[in-house]
Amino acid sequence: MSAAPDAPLLRIRDATVAFGDRVLFEGLDLDVGAGEFLAVLGPNGAGKTTLLRALLGTVALTRGTIETVPVNGTGAPPPVGYVPQQHAFEPDVPVRGRDLVRLGLDGHRPGPPLRNRQTRERVDAALAAVGALGFADLPIGRLSGGEQQRLRIAQALVTDPQLLLCDEPLLSLDLAQQRVVSALIDERRRRAGTAVVFVTHEINPVQQYVDRVLYLVEGRWATGTADEVLTSERLSDLYGTEIDVVRLRDRIVVVGADDHHHHLEPGPRRPGPRDPGATTRGGRTP
């Protein structure tokens, strides 16, 4: 469902983030099309969340550029939605679910929140889109982790974003809740053509939705379909050490790099790792 390469919604060119001598990623070149689902993978500390923060504008690139391209002809930057990592609210927080969602519209404004009819309708529409109307008036601290994360997705959707950035949105959720949250995000991108950049340690719940993956490790990166990137050859090159990628029943198991493990479910078969569309560190795979 990716947009054509000459019509991206998001353009990243030569993007580099370094803190002193530590390089998180370097020379990243990437286009993301409207309606594309990009999963960002890699070990802890590889720069996945930093990349999202750079897309949000809260972390400056050391080098390179990030450009969003409006798709509605207005010339204005496309609206961006953000789903943060899952953090439980205290049980006595005096905030209802719909209050949390409304912050997506007016949380940046000084003074009291907006309470006009249009705001209520937009909040209700976002709540309905994620199936959260039934608990929208309950205190958020009394809701389950899955219910809270539905509200965070509604908060991200209330501005009708063309680009949706998701930072480990499945963290601390059980498998059933992970599937529900993943399906909600995918439904949005299919219905509205929203581009999704989805940071995750666990690709299992989203594998069936993913168009491409971006794998970050030790300053290096690779991008392509899951079958192009998640191979012994490609990951061994990225890590600089031998990595084994083994298919075990309906899963892919990646083992290596000082006992770093990933467990990944395969999706439909796609072209192999030497497909010319696969990219490593900005160079084409031979």
Protein backbone atom coordinates (compact mmCIF):
# COMPACT_ATOMS: atom_id res chain seq x y z
CA MET A 1 0.00 0.00 0.00
CA SER A 2 3.05 2.25 -0.19
CA ALA A 3 2.98 5.45 -2.22
CA ALA A 4 5.14 5.67 -5.31
CA PRO A 5 8.78 6.57 -4.56
CA ASP A 6 8.37 9.95 -6.28
CA ALA A 7 5.41 10.90 -4.05
CA PRO A 8 6.46 10.29 -0.44
CA LEU A 9 4.76 11.77 2.60
CA LEU A 10 8.02 11.70 4.58
CA ARG A 11 11.54 12.21 3.21
CA ILE A 12 14.62 11.48 5.32
CA ARG A 13 18.00 12.29 3.79
CA ASP A 14 21.47 11.56 5.24
CA ALA A 15 19.96 11.65 8.75
CA THR A 16 22.56 11.22 11.46
CA VAL A 17 22.23 11.47 15.24
CA ALA A 18 25.34 11.31 17.41
CA PHE A 19 25.97 12.15 21.04
CA GLY A 20 29.69 12.75 21.32
CA ASP A 21 31.46 9.67 20.00
CA ARG A 22 28.29 7.58 20.14
CA VAL A 23 26.53 7.36 16.78
CA LEU A 24 22.95 6.08 17.00
CA PHE A 25 22.38 6.04 13.24
CA GLU A 26 24.22 7.56 10.33
CA GLY A 27 23.40 8.49 6.74
CA LEU A 28 19.79 7.32 6.94
CA ASP A 29 17.95 7.76 3.63
CA LEU A 30 14.29 6.79 3.66
CA ASP A 31 10.99 7.71 2.01
CA VAL A 32 7.66 6.76 3.58
CA GLY A 33 4.55 6.91 1.42
CA ALA A 34 0.99 7.75 2.37
CA GLY A 35 -0.71 4.63 3.72
CA GLU A 36 2.58 2.78 4.28
CA PHE A 37 3.24 0.82 7.49
CA LEU A 38 6.92 0.96 8.45
CA ALA A 39 8.12 -1.06 11.46
CA VAL A 40 11.30 0.20 13.16
CA LEU A 41 13.26 -2.62 14.81
CA GLY A 42 16.53 -3.04 16.66
CA PRO A 43 18.04 -3.68 20.09
CA ASN A 44 17.71 -1.37 23.09
CA GLY A 45 19.73 1.80 22.64
CA ALA A 46 19.87 1.53 18.86
CA GLY A 47 18.11 4.87 18.35
CA LYS A 48 14.53 3.83 17.56
CA THR A 49 12.87 6.26 19.97
CA THR A 50 15.44 8.94 19.10
CA LEU A 51 14.42 8.62 15.45
CA LEU A 52 10.78 9.21 16.38
CA ARG A 53 11.77 12.23 18.45
CA ALA A 54 13.70 13.58 15.48
CA LEU A 55 10.57 13.14 13.34
CA LEU A 56 8.61 15.02 16.02
CA GLY A 57 11.23 17.78 16.07
CA THR A 58 12.20 17.32 19.72
CA VAL A 59 15.67 15.93 18.89
CA ALA A 60 17.94 17.75 16.44
CA LEU A 61 19.77 15.83 13.76
CA THR A 62 23.54 16.02 13.85
CA ARG A 63 23.44 16.00 10.06
CA GLY A 64 20.84 15.57 7.35
CA THR A 65 17.23 16.57 6.81
CA ILE A 66 13.70 15.40 7.57
CA GLU A 67 10.89 16.73 5.41
CA THR A 68 7.16 16.07 5.51
CA VAL A 69 5.20 16.56 2.32
CA PRO A 70 1.55 17.70 2.45
CA VAL A 71 -0.82 15.53 0.44
CA ASN A 72 -3.87 17.79 0.46
CA GLY A 73 -2.47 20.62 -1.65
CA THR A 74 -2.56 23.24 1.12
CA GLY A 75 1.18 23.61 1.42
CA ALA A 76 0.92 23.24 5.20
CA PRO A 77 2.80 20.49 7.03
CA PRO A 78 0.69 17.34 7.38
CA PRO A 79 -0.89 16.74 10.80
CA VAL A 80 1.15 14.31 12.90
CA GLY A 81 -0.24 11.98 15.55
CA TYR A 82 1.90 10.42 18.28
CA VAL A 83 1.21 7.29 20.33
CA PRO A 84 3.68 7.14 23.27
CA GLN A 85 4.93 4.15 25.18
CA GLN A 86 2.46 2.57 27.57
CA HIS A 87 2.73 3.98 31.11
CA ALA A 88 0.05 3.22 33.68
CA PHE A 89 -1.84 6.10 35.26
CA GLU A 90 -2.27 6.32 39.03
CA PRO A 91 -5.72 5.01 40.11
CA ASP A 92 -6.74 8.35 41.65
CA VAL A 93 -5.91 10.58 38.66
CA PRO A 94 -9.01 12.81 38.29
CA VAL A 95 -9.07 12.68 34.49
CA ARG A 96 -11.65 10.90 32.35
CA GLY A 97 -10.86 9.07 29.16
CA ARG A 98 -12.44 11.74 26.98
CA ASP A 99 -10.43 14.43 28.80
CA LEU A 100 -7.23 12.64 27.80
CA VAL A 101 -8.36 12.46 24.18
CA ARG A 102 -9.34 16.14 24.13
CA LEU A 103 -5.78 17.05 25.13
CA GLY A 104 -4.80 15.93 21.64
CA LEU A 105 -6.75 18.92 20.33
CA ASP A 106 -6.09 21.65 22.87
CA GLY A 107 -3.42 20.38 25.28
CA HIS A 108 -0.91 22.80 23.73
CA ARG A 109 -3.17 25.80 24.37
CA PRO A 110 -2.94 27.96 27.51
CA GLY A 111 -6.07 28.39 29.56
CA PRO A 112 -9.09 26.12 30.02
CA PRO A 113 -9.84 23.34 27.51
CA LEU A 114 -12.17 23.95 24.58
CA ARG A 115 -15.71 22.75 25.14
CA ASN A 116 -17.55 23.70 21.97
CA ARG A 117 -19.76 21.38 19.96
CA GLN A 118 -17.19 20.77 17.22
CA THR A 119 -14.60 19.71 19.79
CA ARG A 120 -17.04 17.28 21.44
CA GLU A 121 -17.92 15.78 18.07
CA ARG A 122 -14.28 15.28 17.11
CA VAL A 123 -13.48 13.68 20.46
CA ASP A 124 -16.49 11.38 20.22
CA ALA A 125 -15.52 10.39 16.67
CA ALA A 126 -11.98 9.51 17.80
CA LEU A 127 -13.32 7.52 20.76
CA ALA A 128 -15.72 5.65 18.49
CA ALA A 129 -12.94 4.84 16.02
CA VAL A 130 -11.05 2.89 18.70
CA GLY A 131 -14.11 1.40 20.44
CA ALA A 132 -13.64 3.49 23.60
CA LEU A 133 -17.01 5.23 23.97
CA GLY A 134 -18.12 2.69 26.57
CA PHE A 135 -15.46 3.76 29.08
CA ALA A 136 -14.79 7.33 27.92
CA ASP A 137 -16.30 8.88 31.07
CA LEU A 138 -14.47 6.67 33.56
CA PRO A 139 -11.28 7.80 35.36
CA ILE A 140 -8.31 6.73 33.27
CA GLY A 141 -6.49 5.29 36.29
CA ARG A 142 -9.20 2.65 36.73
CA LEU A 143 -8.95 1.35 33.18
CA SER A 144 -6.93 -1.62 31.97
CA GLY A 145 -3.68 -1.15 30.08
CA GLY A 146 -5.39 -2.03 26.81
CA GLU A 147 -8.19 0.47 27.44
CA GLN A 148 -5.69 3.20 28.30
CA GLN A 149 -3.76 2.51 25.12
CA ARG A 150 -6.96 2.74 23.05
CA LEU A 151 -7.42 6.21 24.52
CA ARG A 152 -3.86 7.17 23.59
CA ILE A 153 -4.54 6.08 20.02
CA ALA A 154 -7.76 8.11 20.03
CA GLN A 155 -5.78 11.11 21.30
CA ALA A 156 -3.35 10.67 18.39
CA LEU A 157 -6.18 10.34 15.86
CA VAL A 158 -8.30 13.27 17.03
CA THR A 159 -6.30 15.69 14.84
CA ASP A 160 -6.89 13.48 11.77
CA PRO A 161 -3.16 12.87 11.23
CA GLN A 162 -1.59 12.04 7.89
CA LEU A 163 1.48 10.67 9.69
CA LEU A 164 1.16 8.50 12.80
CA LEU A 165 4.25 7.91 14.95
CA CYS A 166 4.01 5.02 17.43
CA ASP A 167 6.67 4.48 20.11
CA GLU A 168 6.43 0.92 21.46
CA PRO A 169 2.62 1.13 21.69
CA LEU A 170 2.38 -2.59 22.53
CA LEU A 171 4.74 -2.47 25.51
CA SER A 172 3.30 -4.12 28.67
CA LEU A 173 0.15 -5.28 26.85
CA ASP A 174 -0.84 -8.94 26.75
CA LEU A 175 -1.03 -10.73 23.39
CA ALA A 176 -4.76 -10.20 22.92
CA GLN A 177 -4.45 -6.46 23.64
CA GLN A 178 -1.44 -6.21 21.32
CA ARG A 179 -3.49 -7.64 18.48
CA VAL A 180 -6.38 -5.26 19.13
CA VAL A 181 -4.15 -2.18 19.29
CA SER A 182 -2.22 -3.23 16.16
CA ALA A 183 -5.45 -3.80 14.23
CA LEU A 184 -6.79 -0.39 15.25
CA ILE A 185 -3.68 1.35 13.94
CA ASP A 186 -3.74 -0.64 10.71
CA GLU A 187 -7.44 0.10 10.17
CA ARG A 188 -6.72 3.81 10.44
CA ARG A 189 -3.93 3.75 7.87
CA ARG A 190 -6.01 1.71 5.42
CA ARG A 191 -9.14 3.83 5.80
CA ALA A 192 -7.46 7.25 5.77
CA GLY A 193 -4.17 6.61 3.95
CA THR A 194 -2.22 7.58 7.06
CA ALA A 195 1.49 6.70 7.01
CA VAL A 196 2.54 4.74 10.11
CA VAL A 197 6.03 4.63 11.62
CA PHE A 198 5.82 1.95 14.31
CA VAL A 199 8.69 1.35 16.76
CA THR A 200 8.55 -2.12 18.30
CA HIS A 201 10.67 -4.83 19.88
CA GLU A 202 8.06 -7.44 19.01
CA ILE A 203 7.01 -7.63 15.39
CA ASN A 204 4.66 -10.60 15.85
CA PRO A 205 1.41 -8.64 16.31
CA VAL A 206 2.08 -6.31 13.35
CA GLN A 207 3.85 -8.60 10.89
CA GLN A 208 0.75 -9.06 8.76
CA TYR A 209 0.36 -5.28 8.38
CA VAL A 210 3.97 -4.24 7.75
CA ASP A 211 5.04 -3.07 4.29
CA ARG A 212 8.69 -2.52 5.17
CA VAL A 213 11.01 -2.64 8.16
CA LEU A 214 13.84 -0.35 9.20
CA TYR A 215 16.41 -2.17 11.34
CA LEU A 216 18.81 -0.04 13.42
CA VAL A 217 21.87 -1.39 15.22
CA GLU A 218 25.21 0.08 16.31
CA GLY A 219 25.00 3.10 14.02
CA ARG A 220 24.10 1.01 10.98
CA TRP A 221 20.75 0.43 9.34
CA ALA A 222 18.95 -1.64 6.75
CA THR A 223 15.55 -1.26 5.15
CA GLY A 224 13.37 -3.44 2.96
CA THR A 225 10.62 -5.98 3.40
CA ALA A 226 10.78 -8.23 6.44
CA ASP A 227 12.01 -11.12 4.30
CA GLU A 228 14.72 -8.94 2.76
CA VAL A 229 16.10 -7.61 6.04
CA LEU A 230 15.51 -10.38 8.58
CA THR A 231 18.04 -12.85 7.19
CA SER A 232 21.24 -14.29 8.62
CA GLU A 233 23.32 -12.55 5.96
CA ARG A 234 21.81 -9.08 6.37
CA LEU A 235 21.75 -9.05 10.18
CA SER A 236 25.25 -10.52 10.44
CA ASP A 237 26.47 -7.66 8.28
CA LEU A 238 24.65 -5.11 10.46
CA TYR A 239 25.86 -6.49 13.79
CA GLY A 240 29.36 -7.26 12.56
CA THR A 241 29.11 -10.72 14.09
CA GLU A 242 27.47 -13.99 13.15
CA ILE A 243 23.67 -13.91 13.53
CA ASP A 244 21.44 -16.89 12.90
CA VAL A 245 17.94 -16.38 11.54
CA VAL A 246 15.96 -19.60 11.73
CA ARG A 247 12.36 -20.35 10.78
CA LEU A 248 10.75 -22.44 13.48
CA ARG A 249 7.20 -23.53 12.65
CA ASP A 250 5.32 -20.27 12.17
CA ARG A 251 8.01 -18.01 13.64
CA ILE A 252 11.36 -16.53 12.78
CA VAL A 253 13.96 -16.73 15.53
CA VAL A 254 16.95 -14.37 15.40
CA VAL A 255 19.80 -15.35 17.75
CA GLY A 256 23.22 -13.81 18.29
CA ALA A 257 24.98 -10.56 19.20
CA ASP A 258 25.81 -11.38 22.83
CA ASP A 259 22.68 -13.46 23.34
CA HIS A 260 20.39 -10.75 21.97
CA HIS A 261 17.19 -12.49 20.86
CA HIS A 262 14.21 -11.58 18.71
CA HIS A 263 11.17 -13.76 18.04
CA LEU A 264 9.42 -12.83 14.83
CA GLU A 265 6.45 -14.32 13.04
CA PRO A 266 6.81 -14.41 9.25
CA GLY A 267 4.30 -12.78 6.98
CA PRO A 268 3.48 -13.67 3.35
CA ARG A 269 6.54 -14.58 1.34
CA ARG A 270 8.16 -11.69 -0.51
CA PRO A 271 11.32 -11.38 -2.68
CA GLY A 272 14.50 -12.52 -0.97
CA PRO A 273 17.38 -10.52 0.52
CA ARG A 274 19.01 -9.76 -2.83
CA ASP A 275 15.97 -7.97 -4.20
CA PRO A 276 17.23 -4.64 -5.63
CA GLY A 277 14.78 -2.70 -3.45
CA ALA A 278 16.58 -3.64 -0.22
CA THR A 279 18.94 -1.02 1.19
CA THR A 280 21.74 -1.14 3.76
CA ARG A 281 23.33 2.05 5.16
CA GLY A 282 22.24 4.00 2.10
CA GLY A 283 23.93 1.60 -0.34
CA ARG A 284 22.11 -0.79 -2.60
CA THR A 285 22.38 -4.48 -1.92
CA PRO A 286 24.49 -6.02 -4.71
